[in-house]
Amino acid sequence: MVPILLVLLLALVLFGAGFAVKVLWWIALAVLVVWLLGFFLPTPPPRGARARWTTW
């Protein structure tokens, strides 16, 4: 009985970890897209502020 419970617990942990890793990949992809958009769609600096050094 104990080995069956351990196998089921291991399967549950691995399923949860796999789901969490998949969700983290989607979050990482969304952050990458937002980061890349920051390069291609720069926002103007606020009034009275100097221009960003990253504008070329």
PDB file of N, CA and C in Angstrom:
ATOM      1  N   MET A   1       0.813  -1.196   0.000  1.00  0.00           N
ATOM      2  CA  MET A   1       0.000   0.000   0.000  1.00  0.00           C
ATOM      3  C   MET A   1       0.859   1.264   0.000  1.00  0.00           C
ATOM      4  N   VAL A   2       1.938   1.261   0.777  1.00  0.00           N
ATOM      5  CA  VAL A   2       2.811   2.435   0.865  1.00  0.00           C
ATOM      6  C   VAL A   2       3.509   2.713  -0.464  1.00  0.00           C
ATOM      7  N   PRO A   3       4.036   1.688  -1.173  1.00  0.00           N
ATOM      8  CA  PRO A   3       4.672   1.986  -2.466  1.00  0.00           C
ATOM      9  C   PRO A   3       3.698   2.601  -3.475  1.00  0.00           C
ATOM     10  N   ILE A   4       2.461   2.165  -3.464  1.00  0.00           N
ATOM     11  CA  ILE A   4       1.478   2.733  -4.385  1.00  0.00           C
ATOM     12  C   ILE A   4       1.242   4.214  -4.058  1.00  0.00           C
ATOM     13  N   LEU A   5       1.138   4.536  -2.770  1.00  0.00           N
ATOM     14  CA  LEU A   5       0.955   5.926  -2.368  1.00  0.00           C
ATOM     15  C   LEU A   5       2.168   6.783  -2.742  1.00  0.00           C
ATOM     16  N   LEU A   6       3.357   6.215  -2.594  1.00  0.00           N
ATOM     17  CA  LEU A   6       4.565   6.960  -2.971  1.00  0.00           C
ATOM     18  C   LEU A   6       4.614   7.219  -4.473  1.00  0.00           C
ATOM     19  N   VAL A   7       4.237   6.214  -5.265  1.00  0.00           N
ATOM     20  CA  VAL A   7       4.215   6.396  -6.718  1.00  0.00           C
ATOM     21  C   VAL A   7       3.171   7.432  -7.113  1.00  0.00           C
ATOM     22  N   LEU A   8       2.004   7.388  -6.482  1.00  0.00           N
ATOM     23  CA  LEU A   8       0.979   8.384  -6.793  1.00  0.00           C
ATOM     24  C   LEU A   8       1.414   9.786  -6.365  1.00  0.00           C
ATOM     25  N   LEU A   9       2.074   9.882  -5.224  1.00  0.00           N
ATOM     26  CA  LEU A   9       2.579  11.176  -4.765  1.00  0.00           C
ATOM     27  C   LEU A   9       3.653  11.690  -5.711  1.00  0.00           C
ATOM     28  N   LEU A  10       4.530  10.818  -6.165  1.00  0.00           N
ATOM     29  CA  LEU A  10       5.565  11.220  -7.119  1.00  0.00           C
ATOM     30  C   LEU A  10       4.945  11.679  -8.437  1.00  0.00           C
ATOM     31  N   ALA A  11       3.937  10.967  -8.915  1.00  0.00           N
ATOM     32  CA  ALA A  11       3.261  11.372 -10.148  1.00  0.00           C
ATOM     33  C   ALA A  11       2.596  12.728  -9.982  1.00  0.00           C
ATOM     34  N   LEU A  12       1.993  12.961  -8.834  1.00  0.00           N
ATOM     35  CA  LEU A  12       1.341  14.250  -8.584  1.00  0.00           C
ATOM     36  C   LEU A  12       2.359  15.383  -8.552  1.00  0.00           C
ATOM     37  N   VAL A  13       3.500  15.151  -7.908  1.00  0.00           N
ATOM     38  CA  VAL A  13       4.548  16.179  -7.834  1.00  0.00           C
ATOM     39  C   VAL A  13       5.111  16.462  -9.222  1.00  0.00           C
ATOM     40  N   LEU A  14       5.391  15.410  -9.984  1.00  0.00           N
ATOM     41  CA  LEU A  14       5.946  15.609 -11.326  1.00  0.00           C
ATOM     42  C   LEU A  14       4.941  16.296 -12.247  1.00  0.00           C
ATOM     43  N   PHE A  15       3.654  15.968 -12.128  1.00  0.00           N
ATOM     44  CA  PHE A  15       2.640  16.635 -12.937  1.00  0.00           C
ATOM     45  C   PHE A  15       2.568  18.111 -12.573  1.00  0.00           C
ATOM     46  N   GLY A  16       2.598  18.410 -11.280  1.00  0.00           N
ATOM     47  CA  GLY A  16       2.557  19.803 -10.841  1.00  0.00           C
ATOM     48  C   GLY A  16       3.778  20.575 -11.301  1.00  0.00           C
ATOM     49  N   ALA A  17       4.953  19.950 -11.228  1.00  0.00           N
ATOM     50  CA  ALA A  17       6.177  20.613 -11.670  1.00  0.00           C
ATOM     51  C   ALA A  17       6.143  20.848 -13.174  1.00  0.00           C
ATOM     52  N   GLY A  18       5.654  19.867 -13.914  1.00  0.00           N
ATOM     53  CA  GLY A  18       5.571  20.040 -15.368  1.00  0.00           C
ATOM     54  C   GLY A  18       4.619  21.156 -15.746  1.00  0.00           C
ATOM     55  N   PHE A  19       3.493  21.253 -15.059  1.00  0.00           N
ATOM     56  CA  PHE A  19       2.541  22.324 -15.326  1.00  0.00           C
ATOM     57  C   PHE A  19       3.144  23.675 -14.973  1.00  0.00           C
ATOM     58  N   ALA A  20       3.852  23.745 -13.838  1.00  0.00           N
ATOM     59  CA  ALA A  20       4.468  25.005 -13.420  1.00  0.00           C
ATOM     60  C   ALA A  20       5.541  25.436 -14.411  1.00  0.00           C
ATOM     61  N   VAL A  21       6.330  24.490 -14.899  1.00  0.00           N
ATOM     62  CA  VAL A  21       7.376  24.829 -15.865  1.00  0.00           C
ATOM     63  C   VAL A  21       6.759  25.327 -17.158  1.00  0.00           C
ATOM     64  N   LYS A  22       5.657  24.712 -17.593  1.00  0.00           N
ATOM     65  CA  LYS A  22       5.002  25.157 -18.818  1.00  0.00           C
ATOM     66  C   LYS A  22       4.457  26.573 -18.654  1.00  0.00           C
ATOM     67  N   VAL A  23       3.869  26.855 -17.494  1.00  0.00           N
ATOM     68  CA  VAL A  23       3.357  28.200 -17.238  1.00  0.00           C
ATOM     69  C   VAL A  23       4.507  29.203 -17.204  1.00  0.00           C
ATOM     70  N   LEU A  24       5.630  28.815 -16.588  1.00  0.00           N
ATOM     71  CA  LEU A  24       6.776  29.719 -16.531  1.00  0.00           C
ATOM     72  C   LEU A  24       7.345  30.003 -17.926  1.00  0.00           C
ATOM     73  N   TRP A  25       7.279  29.028 -18.823  1.00  0.00           N
ATOM     74  CA  TRP A  25       7.732  29.276 -20.195  1.00  0.00           C
ATOM     75  C   TRP A  25       6.850  30.315 -20.873  1.00  0.00           C
ATOM     76  N   TRP A  26       5.537  30.241 -20.660  1.00  0.00           N
ATOM     77  CA  TRP A  26       4.640  31.226 -21.259  1.00  0.00           C
ATOM     78  C   TRP A  26       4.874  32.616 -20.682  1.00  0.00           C
ATOM     79  N   ILE A  27       5.118  32.678 -19.366  1.00  0.00           N
ATOM     80  CA  ILE A  27       5.411  33.975 -18.738  1.00  0.00           C
ATOM     81  C   ILE A  27       6.723  34.540 -19.286  1.00  0.00           C
ATOM     82  N   ALA A  28       7.733  33.688 -19.425  1.00  0.00           N
ATOM     83  CA  ALA A  28       9.021  34.132 -19.963  1.00  0.00           C
ATOM     84  C   ALA A  28       8.865  34.630 -21.396  1.00  0.00           C
ATOM     85  N   LEU A  29       8.047  33.970 -22.182  1.00  0.00           N
ATOM     86  CA  LEU A  29       7.815  34.407 -23.558  1.00  0.00           C
ATOM     87  C   LEU A  29       7.118  35.768 -23.591  1.00  0.00           C
ATOM     88  N   ALA A  30       6.139  35.975 -22.716  1.00  0.00           N
ATOM     89  CA  ALA A  30       5.441  37.268 -22.658  1.00  0.00           C
ATOM     90  C   ALA A  30       6.398  38.375 -22.232  1.00  0.00           C
ATOM     91  N   VAL A  31       7.264  38.104 -21.255  1.00  0.00           N
ATOM     92  CA  VAL A  31       8.237  39.114 -20.827  1.00  0.00           C
ATOM     93  C   VAL A  31       9.216  39.434 -21.954  1.00  0.00           C
ATOM     94  N   LEU A  32       9.631  38.427 -22.697  1.00  0.00           N
ATOM     95  CA  LEU A  32      10.535  38.653 -23.827  1.00  0.00           C
ATOM     96  C   LEU A  32       9.886  39.534 -24.883  1.00  0.00           C
ATOM     97  N   VAL A  33       8.620  39.297 -25.184  1.00  0.00           N
ATOM     98  CA  VAL A  33       7.918  40.106 -26.186  1.00  0.00           C
ATOM     99  C   VAL A  33       7.820  41.557 -25.724  1.00  0.00           C
ATOM    100  N   VAL A  34       7.463  41.765 -24.459  1.00  0.00           N
ATOM    101  CA  VAL A  34       7.359  43.134 -23.939  1.00  0.00           C
ATOM    102  C   VAL A  34       8.723  43.812 -23.953  1.00  0.00           C
ATOM    103  N   TRP A  35       9.763  43.076 -23.616  1.00  0.00           N
ATOM    104  CA  TRP A  35      11.111  43.633 -23.616  1.00  0.00           C
ATOM    105  C   TRP A  35      11.536  44.038 -25.028  1.00  0.00           C
ATOM    106  N   LEU A  36      11.238  43.182 -26.015  1.00  0.00           N
ATOM    107  CA  LEU A  36      11.589  43.506 -27.398  1.00  0.00           C
ATOM    108  C   LEU A  36      10.768  44.681 -27.920  1.00  0.00           C
ATOM    109  N   LEU A  37       9.504  44.757 -27.524  1.00  0.00           N
ATOM    110  CA  LEU A  37       8.693  45.907 -27.936  1.00  0.00           C
ATOM    111  C   LEU A  37       9.262  47.206 -27.384  1.00  0.00           C
ATOM    112  N   GLY A  38       9.896  47.159 -26.232  1.00  0.00           N
ATOM    113  CA  GLY A  38      10.521  48.344 -25.664  1.00  0.00           C
ATOM    114  C   GLY A  38      11.639  48.881 -26.538  1.00  0.00           C
ATOM    115  N   PHE A  39      12.288  48.015 -27.299  1.00  0.00           N
ATOM    116  CA  PHE A  39      13.325  48.476 -28.220  1.00  0.00           C
ATOM    117  C   PHE A  39      12.743  49.059 -29.488  1.00  0.00           C
ATOM    118  N   PHE A  40      11.670  48.468 -29.990  1.00  0.00           N
ATOM    119  CA  PHE A  40      11.125  48.900 -31.273  1.00  0.00           C
ATOM    120  C   PHE A  40      10.103  50.025 -31.152  1.00  0.00           C
ATOM    121  N   LEU A  41       9.489  50.175 -29.994  1.00  0.00           N
ATOM    122  CA  LEU A  41       8.507  51.228 -29.781  1.00  0.00           C
ATOM    123  C   LEU A  41       8.911  52.064 -28.562  1.00  0.00           C
ATOM    124  N   PRO A  42       9.964  52.878 -28.707  1.00  0.00           N
ATOM    125  CA  PRO A  42      10.408  53.650 -27.549  1.00  0.00           C
ATOM    126  C   PRO A  42       9.412  54.746 -27.208  1.00  0.00           C
ATOM    127  N   THR A  43       9.253  54.987 -25.938  1.00  0.00           N
ATOM    128  CA  THR A  43       8.362  56.050 -25.500  1.00  0.00           C
ATOM    129  C   THR A  43       9.152  57.348 -25.385  1.00  0.00           C
ATOM    130  N   PRO A  44       8.522  58.483 -25.648  1.00  0.00           N
ATOM    131  CA  PRO A  44       9.234  59.745 -25.513  1.00  0.00           C
ATOM    132  C   PRO A  44       9.536  60.028 -24.044  1.00  0.00           C
ATOM    133  N   PRO A  45      10.636  60.718 -23.772  1.00  0.00           N
ATOM    134  CA  PRO A  45      10.957  61.017 -22.382  1.00  0.00           C
ATOM    135  C   PRO A  45       9.955  62.009 -21.790  1.00  0.00           C
ATOM    136  N   PRO A  46       9.794  62.020 -20.487  1.00  0.00           N
ATOM    137  CA  PRO A  46       8.880  62.975 -19.857  1.00  0.00           C
ATOM    138  C   PRO A  46       9.349  64.407 -20.083  1.00  0.00           C
ATOM    139  N   ARG A  47       8.418  65.349 -19.956  1.00  0.00           N
ATOM    140  CA  ARG A  47       8.762  66.749 -20.168  1.00  0.00           C
ATOM    141  C   ARG A  47       9.832  67.187 -19.181  1.00  0.00           C
ATOM    142  N   GLY A  48      10.830  67.879 -19.693  1.00  0.00           N
ATOM    143  CA  GLY A  48      11.893  68.386 -18.843  1.00  0.00           C
ATOM    144  C   GLY A  48      12.997  67.382 -18.576  1.00  0.00           C
ATOM    145  N   ALA A  49      12.846  66.163 -19.037  1.00  0.00           N
ATOM    146  CA  ALA A  49      13.877  65.146 -18.808  1.00  0.00           C
ATOM    147  C   ALA A  49      14.783  65.047 -20.023  1.00  0.00           C
ATOM    148  N   ARG A  50      16.004  64.618 -19.777  1.00  0.00           N
ATOM    149  CA  ARG A  50      16.931  64.413 -20.888  1.00  0.00           C
ATOM    150  C   ARG A  50      16.571  63.136 -21.629  1.00  0.00           C
ATOM    151  N   ALA A  51      16.987  63.043 -22.861  1.00  0.00           N
ATOM    152  CA  ALA A  51      16.709  61.853 -23.668  1.00  0.00           C
ATOM    153  C   ALA A  51      17.448  60.646 -23.096  1.00  0.00           C
ATOM    154  N   ARG A  52      16.867  59.468 -23.309  1.00  0.00           N
ATOM    155  CA  ARG A  52      17.524  58.249 -22.843  1.00  0.00           C
ATOM    156  C   ARG A  52      18.795  58.009 -23.633  1.00  0.00           C
ATOM    157  N   TRP A  53      19.774  57.401 -22.994  1.00  0.00           N
ATOM    158  CA  TRP A  53      21.025  57.141 -23.682  1.00  0.00           C
ATOM    159  C   TRP A  53      20.899  55.990 -24.651  1.00  0.00           C
ATOM    160  N   THR A  54      19.777  55.240 -24.599  1.00  0.00           N
ATOM    161  CA  THR A  54      19.644  54.092 -25.490  1.00  0.00           C
ATOM    162  C   THR A  54      19.082  54.468 -26.864  1.00  0.00           C
ATOM    163  N   THR A  55      18.641  55.712 -27.025  1.00  0.00           N
ATOM    164  CA  THR A  55      18.089  56.097 -28.347  1.00  0.00           C
ATOM    165  C   THR A  55      19.248  56.317 -29.315  1.00  0.00           C
ATOM    166  N   TRP A  56      19.187  55.660 -30.439  1.00  0.00           N
ATOM    167  CA  TRP A  56      20.236  55.826 -31.422  1.00  0.00           C
ATOM    168  C   TRP A  56      19.672  56.359 -32.691  1.00  0.00           C
TER     169      TRP A  56
END
